[in-house]
Amino acid sequence: MGVEHYSDIEFIVPMKIMNNFEFYLFAIWAMEPLGEDKGKPYTYQIEKAVKKYENILKNNLSILIGDYNTPNIEKPVEKNRVYGY
């Protein structure tokens, strides 16, 4: 697989795929964190992964795929939050 996995990011598995071309695949299951981030919104782990893997996402073909199973009601979002590149 060849991609560092961070133990504080739950339910997201990064993979480097190499065949005729190379890309990164992030398998995501959005759910309430169980560890140190317990009680934070479902989307928190996704946001955390995007920040930690920022260099890969900015400089390589990448696919984030999975179950974004977010509830209808979330805690208020931070004013200056960035979701994309």
PDB file of N, CA and C in Angstrom:
ATOM      1  N   MET A   1       0.823  -1.197   0.000  1.00  0.00           N
ATOM      2  CA  MET A   1       0.000   0.000   0.000  1.00  0.00           C
ATOM      3  C   MET A   1       0.866   1.259   0.000  1.00  0.00           C
ATOM      4  N   GLY A   2       1.881   1.352   0.808  1.00  0.00           N
ATOM      5  CA  GLY A   2       2.825   2.438   0.725  1.00  0.00           C
ATOM      6  C   GLY A   2       2.380   3.810   1.195  1.00  0.00           C
ATOM      7  N   VAL A   3       1.354   3.906   2.026  1.00  0.00           N
ATOM      8  CA  VAL A   3       0.911   5.200   2.541  1.00  0.00           C
ATOM      9  C   VAL A   3       0.892   5.114   4.062  1.00  0.00           C
ATOM     10  N   GLU A   4       1.462   6.116   4.708  1.00  0.00           N
ATOM     11  CA  GLU A   4       1.470   6.130   6.170  1.00  0.00           C
ATOM     12  C   GLU A   4       0.046   6.241   6.704  1.00  0.00           C
ATOM     13  N   HIS A   5      -0.266   5.398   7.688  1.00  0.00           N
ATOM     14  CA  HIS A   5      -1.571   5.466   8.347  1.00  0.00           C
ATOM     15  C   HIS A   5      -1.369   6.052   9.733  1.00  0.00           C
ATOM     16  N   TYR A   6      -2.195   7.015  10.079  1.00  0.00           N
ATOM     17  CA  TYR A   6      -2.116   7.656  11.394  1.00  0.00           C
ATOM     18  C   TYR A   6      -3.136   7.005  12.322  1.00  0.00           C
ATOM     19  N   SER A   7      -2.686   6.536  13.473  1.00  0.00           N
ATOM     20  CA  SER A   7      -3.571   5.808  14.386  1.00  0.00           C
ATOM     21  C   SER A   7      -4.682   6.682  14.964  1.00  0.00           C
ATOM     22  N   ASP A   8      -4.517   8.003  14.934  1.00  0.00           N
ATOM     23  CA  ASP A   8      -5.567   8.876  15.464  1.00  0.00           C
ATOM     24  C   ASP A   8      -6.653   9.181  14.428  1.00  0.00           C
ATOM     25  N   ILE A   9      -6.509   8.644  13.232  1.00  0.00           N
ATOM     26  CA  ILE A   9      -7.554   8.792  12.217  1.00  0.00           C
ATOM     27  C   ILE A   9      -8.265   7.451  12.107  1.00  0.00           C
ATOM     28  N   GLU A  10      -9.500   7.420  12.578  1.00  0.00           N
ATOM     29  CA  GLU A  10     -10.275   6.182  12.605  1.00  0.00           C
ATOM     30  C   GLU A  10     -11.136   6.064  11.350  1.00  0.00           C
ATOM     31  N   PHE A  11     -11.346   4.856  10.899  1.00  0.00           N
ATOM     32  CA  PHE A  11     -12.310   4.545   9.841  1.00  0.00           C
ATOM     33  C   PHE A  11     -11.953   5.134   8.479  1.00  0.00           C
ATOM     34  N   ILE A  12     -10.679   5.454   8.258  1.00  0.00           N
ATOM     35  CA  ILE A  12     -10.212   5.932   6.962  1.00  0.00           C
ATOM     36  C   ILE A  12      -8.932   5.171   6.636  1.00  0.00           C
ATOM     37  N   VAL A  13      -8.943   4.481   5.495  1.00  0.00           N
ATOM     38  CA  VAL A  13      -7.798   3.674   5.093  1.00  0.00           C
ATOM     39  C   VAL A  13      -7.204   4.258   3.812  1.00  0.00           C
ATOM     40  N   PRO A  14      -5.961   4.756   3.879  1.00  0.00           N
ATOM     41  CA  PRO A  14      -5.311   5.281   2.683  1.00  0.00           C
ATOM     42  C   PRO A  14      -4.571   4.167   1.934  1.00  0.00           C
ATOM     43  N   MET A  15      -4.665   4.185   0.609  1.00  0.00           N
ATOM     44  CA  MET A  15      -3.978   3.187  -0.212  1.00  0.00           C
ATOM     45  C   MET A  15      -3.359   3.858  -1.430  1.00  0.00           C
ATOM     46  N   LYS A  16      -2.191   3.400  -1.810  1.00  0.00           N
ATOM     47  CA  LYS A  16      -1.557   3.854  -3.047  1.00  0.00           C
ATOM     48  C   LYS A  16      -1.764   2.746  -4.074  1.00  0.00           C
ATOM     49  N   ILE A  17      -2.427   3.066  -5.172  1.00  0.00           N
ATOM     50  CA  ILE A  17      -2.742   2.090  -6.209  1.00  0.00           C
ATOM     51  C   ILE A  17      -1.791   2.316  -7.383  1.00  0.00           C
ATOM     52  N   MET A  18      -1.119   1.250  -7.810  1.00  0.00           N
ATOM     53  CA  MET A  18      -0.194   1.346  -8.942  1.00  0.00           C
ATOM     54  C   MET A  18      -0.533   0.258  -9.947  1.00  0.00           C
ATOM     55  N   ASN A  19      -0.884   0.666 -11.155  1.00  0.00           N
ATOM     56  CA  ASN A  19      -1.166  -0.255 -12.247  1.00  0.00           C
ATOM     57  C   ASN A  19      -0.635   0.407 -13.510  1.00  0.00           C
ATOM     58  N   ASN A  20      -1.501   0.739 -14.450  1.00  0.00           N
ATOM     59  CA  ASN A  20      -1.065   1.495 -15.629  1.00  0.00           C
ATOM     60  C   ASN A  20      -0.741   2.937 -15.267  1.00  0.00           C
ATOM     61  N   PHE A  21      -1.333   3.413 -14.191  1.00  0.00           N
ATOM     62  CA  PHE A  21      -1.030   4.738 -13.654  1.00  0.00           C
ATOM     63  C   PHE A  21      -1.176   4.665 -12.141  1.00  0.00           C
ATOM     64  N   GLU A  22      -0.735   5.692 -11.476  1.00  0.00           N
ATOM     65  CA  GLU A  22      -0.703   5.699 -10.013  1.00  0.00           C
ATOM     66  C   GLU A  22      -1.722   6.693  -9.461  1.00  0.00           C
ATOM     67  N   PHE A  23      -2.418   6.286  -8.397  1.00  0.00           N
ATOM     68  CA  PHE A  23      -3.314   7.204  -7.699  1.00  0.00           C
ATOM     69  C   PHE A  23      -3.465   6.751  -6.256  1.00  0.00           C
ATOM     70  N   TYR A  24      -4.032   7.621  -5.458  1.00  0.00           N
ATOM     71  CA  TYR A  24      -4.277   7.324  -4.046  1.00  0.00           C
ATOM     72  C   TYR A  24      -5.772   7.163  -3.834  1.00  0.00           C
ATOM     73  N   LEU A  25      -6.114   6.152  -3.077  1.00  0.00           N
ATOM     74  CA  LEU A  25      -7.510   5.871  -2.759  1.00  0.00           C
ATOM     75  C   LEU A  25      -7.661   5.936  -1.242  1.00  0.00           C
ATOM     76  N   PHE A  26      -8.642   6.697  -0.789  1.00  0.00           N
ATOM     77  CA  PHE A  26      -8.943   6.794   0.634  1.00  0.00           C
ATOM     78  C   PHE A  26     -10.323   6.185   0.853  1.00  0.00           C
ATOM     79  N   ALA A  27     -10.362   5.042   1.528  1.00  0.00           N
ATOM     80  CA  ALA A  27     -11.625   4.384   1.851  1.00  0.00           C
ATOM     81  C   ALA A  27     -12.136   4.982   3.160  1.00  0.00           C
ATOM     82  N   ILE A  28     -13.348   5.531   3.122  1.00  0.00           N
ATOM     83  CA  ILE A  28     -13.882   6.306   4.247  1.00  0.00           C
ATOM     84  C   ILE A  28     -15.188   5.715   4.758  1.00  0.00           C
ATOM     85  N   TRP A  29     -15.286   5.607   6.068  1.00  0.00           N
ATOM     86  CA  TRP A  29     -16.559   5.289   6.713  1.00  0.00           C
ATOM     87  C   TRP A  29     -16.754   6.359   7.782  1.00  0.00           C
ATOM     88  N   ALA A  30     -17.577   7.338   7.500  1.00  0.00           N
ATOM     89  CA  ALA A  30     -17.799   8.437   8.442  1.00  0.00           C
ATOM     90  C   ALA A  30     -18.735   7.979   9.555  1.00  0.00           C
ATOM     91  N   MET A  31     -18.243   8.048  10.755  1.00  0.00           N
ATOM     92  CA  MET A  31     -19.058   7.740  11.925  1.00  0.00           C
ATOM     93  C   MET A  31     -18.459   8.464  13.118  1.00  0.00           C
ATOM     94  N   GLU A  32     -19.167   8.465  14.220  1.00  0.00           N
ATOM     95  CA  GLU A  32     -18.675   9.171  15.406  1.00  0.00           C
ATOM     96  C   GLU A  32     -17.357   8.556  15.861  1.00  0.00           C
ATOM     97  N   PRO A  33     -16.334   9.368  16.067  1.00  0.00           N
ATOM     98  CA  PRO A  33     -15.050   8.841  16.532  1.00  0.00           C
ATOM     99  C   PRO A  33     -15.183   8.126  17.878  1.00  0.00           C
ATOM    100  N   LEU A  34     -14.357   7.099  18.069  1.00  0.00           N
ATOM    101  CA  LEU A  34     -14.387   6.330  19.313  1.00  0.00           C
ATOM    102  C   LEU A  34     -13.248   6.693  20.248  1.00  0.00           C
ATOM    103  N   GLY A  35     -12.133   7.142  19.717  1.00  0.00           N
ATOM    104  CA  GLY A  35     -10.942   7.405  20.520  1.00  0.00           C
ATOM    105  C   GLY A  35     -10.912   8.796  21.109  1.00  0.00           C
ATOM    106  N   GLU A  36      -9.769   9.437  20.967  1.00  0.00           N
ATOM    107  CA  GLU A  36      -9.548  10.757  21.575  1.00  0.00           C
ATOM    108  C   GLU A  36     -10.501  11.824  21.054  1.00  0.00           C
ATOM    109  N   ASP A  37     -11.100  11.598  19.901  1.00  0.00           N
ATOM    110  CA  ASP A  37     -12.022  12.577  19.311  1.00  0.00           C
ATOM    111  C   ASP A  37     -13.490  12.241  19.575  1.00  0.00           C
ATOM    112  N   LYS A  38     -13.739  11.321  20.508  1.00  0.00           N
ATOM    113  CA  LYS A  38     -15.111  10.906  20.819  1.00  0.00           C
ATOM    114  C   LYS A  38     -15.989  12.123  21.112  1.00  0.00           C
ATOM    115  N   GLY A  39     -17.194  12.113  20.546  1.00  0.00           N
ATOM    116  CA  GLY A  39     -18.136  13.201  20.764  1.00  0.00           C
ATOM    117  C   GLY A  39     -18.093  14.267  19.680  1.00  0.00           C
ATOM    118  N   LYS A  40     -17.078  14.219  18.827  1.00  0.00           N
ATOM    119  CA  LYS A  40     -16.990  15.188  17.730  1.00  0.00           C
ATOM    120  C   LYS A  40     -17.885  14.721  16.581  1.00  0.00           C
ATOM    121  N   PRO A  41     -18.215  15.612  15.642  1.00  0.00           N
ATOM    122  CA  PRO A  41     -19.113  15.253  14.534  1.00  0.00           C
ATOM    123  C   PRO A  41     -18.554  14.131  13.657  1.00  0.00           C
ATOM    124  N   TYR A  42     -19.455  13.460  12.962  1.00  0.00           N
ATOM    125  CA  TYR A  42     -19.077  12.376  12.060  1.00  0.00           C
ATOM    126  C   TYR A  42     -18.023  12.836  11.062  1.00  0.00           C
ATOM    127  N   THR A  43     -18.144  14.041  10.572  1.00  0.00           N
ATOM    128  CA  THR A  43     -17.244  14.553   9.542  1.00  0.00           C
ATOM    129  C   THR A  43     -15.863  14.932  10.078  1.00  0.00           C
ATOM    130  N   TYR A  44     -15.690  14.952  11.373  1.00  0.00           N
ATOM    131  CA  TYR A  44     -14.425  15.395  11.968  1.00  0.00           C
ATOM    132  C   TYR A  44     -13.239  14.554  11.498  1.00  0.00           C
ATOM    133  N   GLN A  45     -13.397  13.242  11.473  1.00  0.00           N
ATOM    134  CA  GLN A  45     -12.302  12.368  11.060  1.00  0.00           C
ATOM    135  C   GLN A  45     -11.927  12.596   9.595  1.00  0.00           C
ATOM    136  N   ILE A  46     -12.907  12.884   8.756  1.00  0.00           N
ATOM    137  CA  ILE A  46     -12.629  13.167   7.345  1.00  0.00           C
ATOM    138  C   ILE A  46     -11.814  14.454   7.241  1.00  0.00           C
ATOM    139  N   GLU A  47     -12.256  15.462   7.938  1.00  0.00           N
ATOM    140  CA  GLU A  47     -11.555  16.749   7.931  1.00  0.00           C
ATOM    141  C   GLU A  47     -10.122  16.584   8.453  1.00  0.00           C
ATOM    142  N   LYS A  48      -9.965  15.804   9.493  1.00  0.00           N
ATOM    143  CA  LYS A  48      -8.650  15.557  10.079  1.00  0.00           C
ATOM    144  C   LYS A  48      -7.739  14.834   9.074  1.00  0.00           C
ATOM    145  N   ALA A  49      -8.290  13.853   8.370  1.00  0.00           N
ATOM    146  CA  ALA A  49      -7.514  13.114   7.368  1.00  0.00           C
ATOM    147  C   ALA A  49      -7.098  14.019   6.216  1.00  0.00           C
ATOM    148  N   VAL A  50      -8.007  14.880   5.762  1.00  0.00           N
ATOM    149  CA  VAL A  50      -7.682  15.802   4.669  1.00  0.00           C
ATOM    150  C   VAL A  50      -6.517  16.701   5.071  1.00  0.00           C
ATOM    151  N   LYS A  51      -6.505  17.147   6.303  1.00  0.00           N
ATOM    152  CA  LYS A  51      -5.403  17.998   6.776  1.00  0.00           C
ATOM    153  C   LYS A  51      -4.092  17.214   6.857  1.00  0.00           C
ATOM    154  N   LYS A  52      -4.143  15.990   7.388  1.00  0.00           N
ATOM    155  CA  LYS A  52      -2.916  15.200   7.546  1.00  0.00           C
ATOM    156  C   LYS A  52      -2.357  14.729   6.208  1.00  0.00           C
ATOM    157  N   TYR A  53      -3.234  14.441   5.252  1.00  0.00           N
ATOM    158  CA  TYR A  53      -2.801  13.962   3.940  1.00  0.00           C
ATOM    159  C   TYR A  53      -2.813  15.078   2.895  1.00  0.00           C
ATOM    160  N   GLU A  54      -2.765  16.310   3.351  1.00  0.00           N
ATOM    161  CA  GLU A  54      -2.851  17.472   2.465  1.00  0.00           C
ATOM    162  C   GLU A  54      -1.837  17.417   1.323  1.00  0.00           C
ATOM    163  N   ASN A  55      -0.610  17.045   1.617  1.00  0.00           N
ATOM    164  CA  ASN A  55       0.422  17.010   0.586  1.00  0.00           C
ATOM    165  C   ASN A  55       0.082  16.001  -0.511  1.00  0.00           C
ATOM    166  N   ILE A  56      -0.365  14.824  -0.131  1.00  0.00           N
ATOM    167  CA  ILE A  56      -0.764  13.808  -1.115  1.00  0.00           C
ATOM    168  C   ILE A  56      -1.932  14.317  -1.946  1.00  0.00           C
ATOM    169  N   LEU A  57      -2.940  14.870  -1.292  1.00  0.00           N
ATOM    170  CA  LEU A  57      -4.141  15.321  -1.993  1.00  0.00           C
ATOM    171  C   LEU A  57      -3.857  16.474  -2.954  1.00  0.00           C
ATOM    172  N   LYS A  58      -2.952  17.350  -2.600  1.00  0.00           N
ATOM    173  CA  LYS A  58      -2.632  18.499  -3.459  1.00  0.00           C
ATOM    174  C   LYS A  58      -1.770  18.111  -4.654  1.00  0.00           C
ATOM    175  N   ASN A  59      -0.943  17.094  -4.501  1.00  0.00           N
ATOM    176  CA  ASN A  59       0.069  16.800  -5.512  1.00  0.00           C
ATOM    177  C   ASN A  59      -0.123  15.501  -6.278  1.00  0.00           C
ATOM    178  N   ASN A  60      -1.219  14.794  -6.044  1.00  0.00           N
ATOM    179  CA  ASN A  60      -1.429  13.504  -6.695  1.00  0.00           C
ATOM    180  C   ASN A  60      -2.896  13.302  -7.037  1.00  0.00           C
ATOM    181  N   LEU A  61      -3.124  12.464  -8.038  1.00  0.00           N
ATOM    182  CA  LEU A  61      -4.486  12.049  -8.342  1.00  0.00           C
ATOM    183  C   LEU A  61      -4.989  11.258  -7.140  1.00  0.00           C
ATOM    184  N   SER A  62      -6.115  11.667  -6.578  1.00  0.00           N
ATOM    185  CA  SER A  62      -6.631  11.029  -5.363  1.00  0.00           C
ATOM    186  C   SER A  62      -8.137  10.876  -5.444  1.00  0.00           C
ATOM    187  N   ILE A  63      -8.632   9.786  -4.863  1.00  0.00           N
ATOM    188  CA  ILE A  63     -10.068   9.528  -4.796  1.00  0.00           C
ATOM    189  C   ILE A  63     -10.424   9.279  -3.337  1.00  0.00           C
ATOM    190  N   LEU A  64     -11.423  10.005  -2.848  1.00  0.00           N
ATOM    191  CA  LEU A  64     -11.957   9.768  -1.509  1.00  0.00           C
ATOM    192  C   LEU A  64     -13.328   9.141  -1.710  1.00  0.00           C
ATOM    193  N   ILE A  65     -13.457   7.896  -1.297  1.00  0.00           N
ATOM    194  CA  ILE A  65     -14.678   7.149  -1.573  1.00  0.00           C
ATOM    195  C   ILE A  65     -15.148   6.449  -0.303  1.00  0.00           C
ATOM    196  N   GLY A  66     -16.456   6.317  -0.174  1.00  0.00           N
ATOM    197  CA  GLY A  66     -16.953   5.586   0.976  1.00  0.00           C
ATOM    198  C   GLY A  66     -18.321   6.029   1.419  1.00  0.00           C
ATOM    199  N   ASP A  67     -18.590   5.800   2.677  1.00  0.00           N
ATOM    200  CA  ASP A  67     -19.876   6.105   3.284  1.00  0.00           C
ATOM    201  C   ASP A  67     -19.721   7.384   4.091  1.00  0.00           C
ATOM    202  N   TYR A  68     -20.264   8.470   3.561  1.00  0.00           N
ATOM    203  CA  TYR A  68     -20.181   9.766   4.228  1.00  0.00           C
ATOM    204  C   TYR A  68     -21.373   9.975   5.157  1.00  0.00           C
ATOM    205  N   ASN A  69     -21.947   8.938   5.598  1.00  0.00           N
ATOM    206  CA  ASN A  69     -23.085   8.799   6.483  1.00  0.00           C
ATOM    207  C   ASN A  69     -23.161   9.870   7.575  1.00  0.00           C
ATOM    208  N   THR A  70     -23.334  11.131   7.171  1.00  0.00           N
ATOM    209  CA  THR A  70     -23.400  12.196   8.164  1.00  0.00           C
ATOM    210  C   THR A  70     -24.840  12.445   8.581  1.00  0.00           C
ATOM    211  N   PRO A  71     -25.063  12.691   9.863  1.00  0.00           N
ATOM    212  CA  PRO A  71     -26.423  12.962  10.328  1.00  0.00           C
ATOM    213  C   PRO A  71     -26.897  14.326   9.833  1.00  0.00           C
ATOM    214  N   ASN A  72     -28.187  14.553   9.912  1.00  0.00           N
ATOM    215  CA  ASN A  72     -28.771  15.811   9.446  1.00  0.00           C
ATOM    216  C   ASN A  72     -28.359  17.006  10.290  1.00  0.00           C
ATOM    217  N   ILE A  73     -28.147  16.799  11.567  1.00  0.00           N
ATOM    218  CA  ILE A  73     -27.828  17.906  12.468  1.00  0.00           C
ATOM    219  C   ILE A  73     -26.399  17.741  12.964  1.00  0.00           C
ATOM    220  N   GLU A  74     -25.596  18.741  12.724  1.00  0.00           N
ATOM    221  CA  GLU A  74     -24.203  18.751  13.170  1.00  0.00           C
ATOM    222  C   GLU A  74     -24.006  19.941  14.097  1.00  0.00           C
ATOM    223  N   LYS A  75     -22.916  19.918  14.830  1.00  0.00           N
ATOM    224  CA  LYS A  75     -22.547  21.081  15.630  1.00  0.00           C
ATOM    225  C   LYS A  75     -22.218  22.219  14.664  1.00  0.00           C
ATOM    226  N   PRO A  76     -22.359  23.470  15.087  1.00  0.00           N
ATOM    227  CA  PRO A  76     -22.043  24.589  14.184  1.00  0.00           C
ATOM    228  C   PRO A  76     -20.616  24.480  13.640  1.00  0.00           C
ATOM    229  N   VAL A  77     -20.454  24.805  12.367  1.00  0.00           N
ATOM    230  CA  VAL A  77     -19.135  24.709  11.744  1.00  0.00           C
ATOM    231  C   VAL A  77     -18.295  25.932  12.059  1.00  0.00           C
ATOM    232  N   GLU A  78     -17.004  25.739  12.011  1.00  0.00           N
ATOM    233  CA  GLU A  78     -16.089  26.849  12.231  1.00  0.00           C
ATOM    234  C   GLU A  78     -16.207  27.831  11.076  1.00  0.00           C
ATOM    235  N   LYS A  79     -16.053  29.093  11.366  1.00  0.00           N
ATOM    236  CA  LYS A  79     -16.267  30.145  10.381  1.00  0.00           C
ATOM    237  C   LYS A  79     -15.343  30.038   9.169  1.00  0.00           C
ATOM    238  N   ASN A  80     -14.085  29.724   9.366  1.00  0.00           N
ATOM    239  CA  ASN A  80     -13.113  29.733   8.275  1.00  0.00           C
ATOM    240  C   ASN A  80     -12.712  28.337   7.807  1.00  0.00           C
ATOM    241  N   ARG A  81     -13.576  27.358   7.967  1.00  0.00           N
ATOM    242  CA  ARG A  81     -13.264  25.985   7.592  1.00  0.00           C
ATOM    243  C   ARG A  81     -13.137  25.863   6.073  1.00  0.00           C
ATOM    244  N   VAL A  82     -12.125  25.119   5.631  1.00  0.00           N
ATOM    245  CA  VAL A  82     -11.903  24.895   4.205  1.00  0.00           C
ATOM    246  C   VAL A  82     -12.134  23.416   3.922  1.00  0.00           C
ATOM    247  N   TYR A  83     -12.960  23.100   2.928  1.00  0.00           N
ATOM    248  CA  TYR A  83     -13.288  21.710   2.615  1.00  0.00           C
ATOM    249  C   TYR A  83     -12.614  21.186   1.364  1.00  0.00           C
ATOM    250  N   GLY A  84     -12.092  22.033   0.504  1.00  0.00           N
ATOM    251  CA  GLY A  84     -11.535  21.528  -0.747  1.00  0.00           C
ATOM    252  C   GLY A  84     -10.290  22.264  -1.161  1.00  0.00           C
ATOM    253  N   TYR A  85      -9.755  21.814  -2.247  1.00  0.00           N
ATOM    254  CA  TYR A  85      -8.533  22.425  -2.785  1.00  0.00           C
ATOM    255  C   TYR A  85      -8.806  22.933  -4.173  1.00  0.00           C
TER     256      TYR A  85
END
